[in-house]
Amino acid sequence: MSQIEGLEGKVREIRRKTRRKYSSEEKIRIVLEVLRGEESIAELCRREGIAPNLYYSWSKEFLEAGKRRLMGDTKRQATSGEVRSLRLEN
C-alpha cells in the first residue's frame, strides 16, 4: 500500500467518525423551511452544510410519511392506557 492510499484511508475513517447525525426534528425543520418558500434549496443546503441530494432524500421521506398518514395507513403502538381501557370493556 502506498503512502497516499494509506492517507486516503485515514481521511475516510475520520470523515466517518465525524459525520454529523441529524435528529428527526432537525430533518423536519430543514424540509419545512424550504416548503415555506423562505429560502431556496441551494441556500438552505449551504447554510446547513448538507448536500442537496440529502435534502431531497429527507424531503421524499417526509412527503411519503405524510401521504401514508393521510391515507390512514399507519400502525402505532397502543398506549398502556388504551390497552387497559379495552381490557375493561371485555
N, C-alpha and C. Protein backbone atom coordinates (compact mmCIF):
# COMPACT_ATOMS: atom_id res chain seq x y z
N MET A 1 0.86 -1.17 0.00
CA MET A 1 0.00 0.00 0.00
C MET A 1 0.90 1.23 0.00
N SER A 2 0.57 2.15 -0.89
CA SER A 2 1.38 3.36 -0.96
C SER A 2 0.99 4.30 0.16
N GLN A 3 1.83 5.29 0.37
CA GLN A 3 1.59 6.27 1.42
C GLN A 3 0.30 7.06 1.14
N ILE A 4 0.04 7.35 -0.12
CA ILE A 4 -1.17 8.11 -0.49
C ILE A 4 -2.42 7.29 -0.18
N GLU A 5 -2.40 6.00 -0.52
CA GLU A 5 -3.56 5.15 -0.22
C GLU A 5 -3.81 5.08 1.27
N GLY A 6 -2.74 5.00 2.05
CA GLY A 6 -2.86 4.97 3.50
C GLY A 6 -3.49 6.25 4.04
N LEU A 7 -3.07 7.39 3.49
CA LEU A 7 -3.63 8.67 3.92
C LEU A 7 -5.10 8.80 3.51
N GLU A 8 -5.43 8.33 2.32
CA GLU A 8 -6.82 8.39 1.87
C GLU A 8 -7.71 7.55 2.78
N GLY A 9 -7.21 6.41 3.20
CA GLY A 9 -7.96 5.57 4.13
C GLY A 9 -8.18 6.26 5.46
N LYS A 10 -7.16 6.94 5.94
CA LYS A 10 -7.29 7.69 7.21
C LYS A 10 -8.32 8.81 7.08
N VAL A 11 -8.29 9.52 5.94
CA VAL A 11 -9.25 10.61 5.72
C VAL A 11 -10.67 10.06 5.73
N ARG A 12 -10.90 8.94 5.03
CA ARG A 12 -12.24 8.33 5.02
C ARG A 12 -12.68 7.93 6.42
N GLU A 13 -11.77 7.38 7.19
CA GLU A 13 -12.09 6.97 8.57
C GLU A 13 -12.47 8.17 9.42
N ILE A 14 -11.73 9.26 9.30
CA ILE A 14 -12.02 10.47 10.08
C ILE A 14 -13.38 11.04 9.66
N ARG A 15 -13.66 11.06 8.37
CA ARG A 15 -14.96 11.57 7.90
C ARG A 15 -16.10 10.74 8.46
N ARG A 16 -15.94 9.42 8.49
CA ARG A 16 -16.98 8.56 9.03
C ARG A 16 -17.23 8.84 10.50
N LYS A 17 -16.17 9.03 11.24
CA LYS A 17 -16.30 9.25 12.68
C LYS A 17 -16.84 10.63 13.02
N THR A 18 -16.62 11.61 12.14
CA THR A 18 -17.06 12.97 12.44
C THR A 18 -18.32 13.36 11.68
N ARG A 19 -18.90 12.41 10.98
CA ARG A 19 -20.12 12.70 10.22
C ARG A 19 -21.23 13.10 11.18
N ARG A 20 -21.91 14.16 10.86
CA ARG A 20 -22.96 14.68 11.73
C ARG A 20 -24.21 13.84 11.58
N LYS A 21 -24.84 13.55 12.70
CA LYS A 21 -26.10 12.84 12.70
C LYS A 21 -27.21 13.85 12.97
N TYR A 22 -28.24 13.84 12.16
CA TYR A 22 -29.35 14.78 12.30
C TYR A 22 -30.54 14.07 12.95
N SER A 23 -31.14 14.71 13.93
CA SER A 23 -32.32 14.15 14.57
C SER A 23 -33.52 14.29 13.64
N SER A 24 -34.58 13.57 13.94
CA SER A 24 -35.80 13.68 13.14
C SER A 24 -36.32 15.11 13.15
N GLU A 25 -36.25 15.76 14.31
CA GLU A 25 -36.73 17.13 14.43
C GLU A 25 -35.94 18.08 13.53
N GLU A 26 -34.62 17.88 13.46
CA GLU A 26 -33.79 18.73 12.61
C GLU A 26 -34.13 18.52 11.13
N LYS A 27 -34.34 17.27 10.75
CA LYS A 27 -34.68 16.97 9.36
C LYS A 27 -36.01 17.62 8.98
N ILE A 28 -36.98 17.51 9.87
CA ILE A 28 -38.30 18.10 9.61
C ILE A 28 -38.19 19.62 9.51
N ARG A 29 -37.44 20.22 10.41
CA ARG A 29 -37.26 21.68 10.39
C ARG A 29 -36.66 22.12 9.06
N ILE A 30 -35.65 21.42 8.60
CA ILE A 30 -34.97 21.77 7.36
C ILE A 30 -35.91 21.62 6.16
N VAL A 31 -36.64 20.53 6.10
CA VAL A 31 -37.58 20.31 4.99
C VAL A 31 -38.68 21.37 5.00
N LEU A 32 -39.21 21.69 6.17
CA LEU A 32 -40.29 22.68 6.26
C LEU A 32 -39.83 24.07 5.86
N GLU A 33 -38.57 24.41 6.13
CA GLU A 33 -38.06 25.73 5.74
C GLU A 33 -38.17 25.93 4.24
N VAL A 34 -37.83 24.91 3.47
CA VAL A 34 -37.93 25.03 2.01
C VAL A 34 -39.39 25.04 1.58
N LEU A 35 -40.22 24.21 2.20
CA LEU A 35 -41.63 24.16 1.82
C LEU A 35 -42.33 25.49 2.09
N ARG A 36 -41.87 26.22 3.08
CA ARG A 36 -42.44 27.54 3.37
C ARG A 36 -42.04 28.57 2.32
N GLY A 37 -41.02 28.27 1.53
CA GLY A 37 -40.58 29.17 0.48
C GLY A 37 -39.71 30.31 0.95
N GLU A 38 -39.18 30.20 2.16
CA GLU A 38 -38.35 31.27 2.71
C GLU A 38 -36.96 31.31 2.11
N GLU A 39 -36.52 30.17 1.59
CA GLU A 39 -35.14 30.06 1.12
C GLU A 39 -35.09 28.99 0.03
N SER A 40 -34.16 29.12 -0.88
CA SER A 40 -34.02 28.10 -1.92
C SER A 40 -33.33 26.87 -1.32
N ILE A 41 -33.47 25.76 -2.01
CA ILE A 41 -32.83 24.53 -1.55
C ILE A 41 -31.32 24.71 -1.50
N ALA A 42 -30.76 25.34 -2.53
CA ALA A 42 -29.30 25.54 -2.58
C ALA A 42 -28.83 26.39 -1.40
N GLU A 43 -29.55 27.47 -1.11
CA GLU A 43 -29.16 28.35 0.01
C GLU A 43 -29.25 27.61 1.34
N LEU A 44 -30.34 26.88 1.52
CA LEU A 44 -30.53 26.14 2.76
C LEU A 44 -29.44 25.09 2.95
N CYS A 45 -29.13 24.36 1.89
CA CYS A 45 -28.11 23.31 1.97
C CYS A 45 -26.75 23.89 2.31
N ARG A 46 -26.42 25.03 1.72
CA ARG A 46 -25.14 25.68 2.04
C ARG A 46 -25.11 26.09 3.51
N ARG A 47 -26.20 26.69 3.97
CA ARG A 47 -26.26 27.17 5.36
C ARG A 47 -26.18 26.01 6.35
N GLU A 48 -26.87 24.92 6.05
CA GLU A 48 -26.92 23.77 6.96
C GLU A 48 -25.73 22.83 6.78
N GLY A 49 -24.98 23.01 5.70
CA GLY A 49 -23.82 22.16 5.46
C GLY A 49 -24.19 20.75 5.02
N ILE A 50 -25.27 20.63 4.24
CA ILE A 50 -25.69 19.33 3.74
C ILE A 50 -25.70 19.34 2.22
N ALA A 51 -25.59 18.16 1.64
CA ALA A 51 -25.64 18.03 0.19
C ALA A 51 -27.10 18.10 -0.26
N PRO A 52 -27.35 18.71 -1.42
CA PRO A 52 -28.73 18.77 -1.92
C PRO A 52 -29.40 17.39 -2.03
N ASN A 53 -28.64 16.36 -2.43
CA ASN A 53 -29.26 15.04 -2.55
C ASN A 53 -29.73 14.51 -1.19
N LEU A 54 -29.06 14.90 -0.11
CA LEU A 54 -29.51 14.51 1.23
C LEU A 54 -30.83 15.22 1.55
N TYR A 55 -30.91 16.51 1.21
CA TYR A 55 -32.16 17.25 1.42
C TYR A 55 -33.30 16.57 0.66
N TYR A 56 -33.07 16.23 -0.61
CA TYR A 56 -34.13 15.62 -1.42
C TYR A 56 -34.56 14.27 -0.83
N SER A 57 -33.62 13.53 -0.29
CA SER A 57 -33.95 12.26 0.35
C SER A 57 -34.86 12.48 1.56
N TRP A 58 -34.50 13.46 2.41
CA TRP A 58 -35.33 13.77 3.58
C TRP A 58 -36.70 14.26 3.16
N SER A 59 -36.74 15.10 2.14
CA SER A 59 -38.00 15.65 1.65
C SER A 59 -38.92 14.54 1.15
N LYS A 60 -38.35 13.61 0.41
CA LYS A 60 -39.14 12.49 -0.10
C LYS A 60 -39.70 11.65 1.05
N GLU A 61 -38.86 11.35 2.04
CA GLU A 61 -39.32 10.59 3.21
C GLU A 61 -40.44 11.32 3.94
N PHE A 62 -40.28 12.64 4.10
CA PHE A 62 -41.26 13.46 4.79
C PHE A 62 -42.60 13.43 4.07
N LEU A 63 -42.57 13.63 2.76
CA LEU A 63 -43.81 13.66 1.98
C LEU A 63 -44.47 12.29 1.93
N GLU A 64 -43.68 11.22 1.82
CA GLU A 64 -44.24 9.87 1.81
C GLU A 64 -44.89 9.54 3.14
N ALA A 65 -44.26 9.94 4.24
CA ALA A 65 -44.84 9.69 5.57
C ALA A 65 -46.16 10.44 5.72
N GLY A 66 -46.21 11.67 5.23
CA GLY A 66 -47.45 12.44 5.28
C GLY A 66 -48.54 11.79 4.44
N LYS A 67 -48.16 11.30 3.28
CA LYS A 67 -49.11 10.64 2.39
C LYS A 67 -49.69 9.39 3.06
N ARG A 68 -48.82 8.57 3.66
CA ARG A 68 -49.29 7.37 4.36
C ARG A 68 -50.22 7.72 5.50
N ARG A 69 -49.88 8.78 6.22
CA ARG A 69 -50.70 9.20 7.36
C ARG A 69 -52.08 9.66 6.91
N LEU A 70 -52.13 10.44 5.85
CA LEU A 70 -53.41 10.92 5.35
C LEU A 70 -54.28 9.80 4.79
N MET A 71 -53.63 8.76 4.28
CA MET A 71 -54.37 7.63 3.74
C MET A 71 -54.81 6.68 4.84
N GLY A 72 -54.39 6.93 6.07
CA GLY A 72 -54.78 6.07 7.18
C GLY A 72 -53.99 4.79 7.26
N ASP A 73 -52.90 4.73 6.55
CA ASP A 73 -52.07 3.53 6.52
C ASP A 73 -50.98 3.62 7.58
N THR A 74 -51.38 3.78 8.81
CA THR A 74 -50.38 3.88 9.87
C THR A 74 -50.63 2.81 10.90
N LYS A 75 -49.57 2.37 11.49
CA LYS A 75 -49.65 1.45 12.61
C LYS A 75 -48.95 2.14 13.76
N ARG A 76 -49.61 2.22 14.87
CA ARG A 76 -48.95 2.82 16.02
C ARG A 76 -49.16 1.91 17.21
N GLN A 77 -48.28 2.01 18.13
CA GLN A 77 -48.37 1.21 19.34
C GLN A 77 -49.48 1.77 20.22
N ALA A 78 -50.31 0.90 20.75
CA ALA A 78 -51.34 1.35 21.68
C ALA A 78 -50.68 1.71 23.00
N THR A 79 -51.17 2.77 23.61
CA THR A 79 -50.63 3.15 24.91
C THR A 79 -51.16 2.19 25.96
N SER A 80 -50.48 2.11 27.08
CA SER A 80 -50.92 1.20 28.14
C SER A 80 -52.32 1.57 28.63
N GLY A 81 -52.65 2.86 28.59
CA GLY A 81 -53.99 3.30 28.99
C GLY A 81 -55.06 2.77 28.04
N GLU A 82 -54.76 2.78 26.76
CA GLU A 82 -55.70 2.26 25.77
C GLU A 82 -55.89 0.76 25.95
N VAL A 83 -54.82 0.05 26.19
CA VAL A 83 -54.89 -1.39 26.39
C VAL A 83 -55.74 -1.69 27.62
N ARG A 84 -55.48 -0.98 28.70
CA ARG A 84 -56.23 -1.18 29.95
C ARG A 84 -57.72 -0.92 29.72
N SER A 85 -58.03 0.16 29.01
CA SER A 85 -59.41 0.52 28.72
C SER A 85 -60.11 -0.57 27.90
N LEU A 86 -59.43 -1.08 26.89
CA LEU A 86 -60.02 -2.13 26.06
C LEU A 86 -60.22 -3.42 26.85
N ARG A 87 -59.31 -3.73 27.74
CA ARG A 87 -59.46 -4.94 28.56
C ARG A 87 -60.65 -4.82 29.49
N LEU A 88 -60.87 -3.64 30.03
CA LEU A 88 -62.00 -3.42 30.93
C LEU A 88 -63.33 -3.55 30.19
N GLU A 89 -63.36 -3.19 28.91
CA GLU A 89 -64.58 -3.29 28.12
C GLU A 89 -64.99 -4.74 27.90
N ASN A 90 -64.01 -5.62 27.81
CA ASN A 90 -64.30 -7.04 27.51
C ASN A 90 -64.51 -7.81 28.72
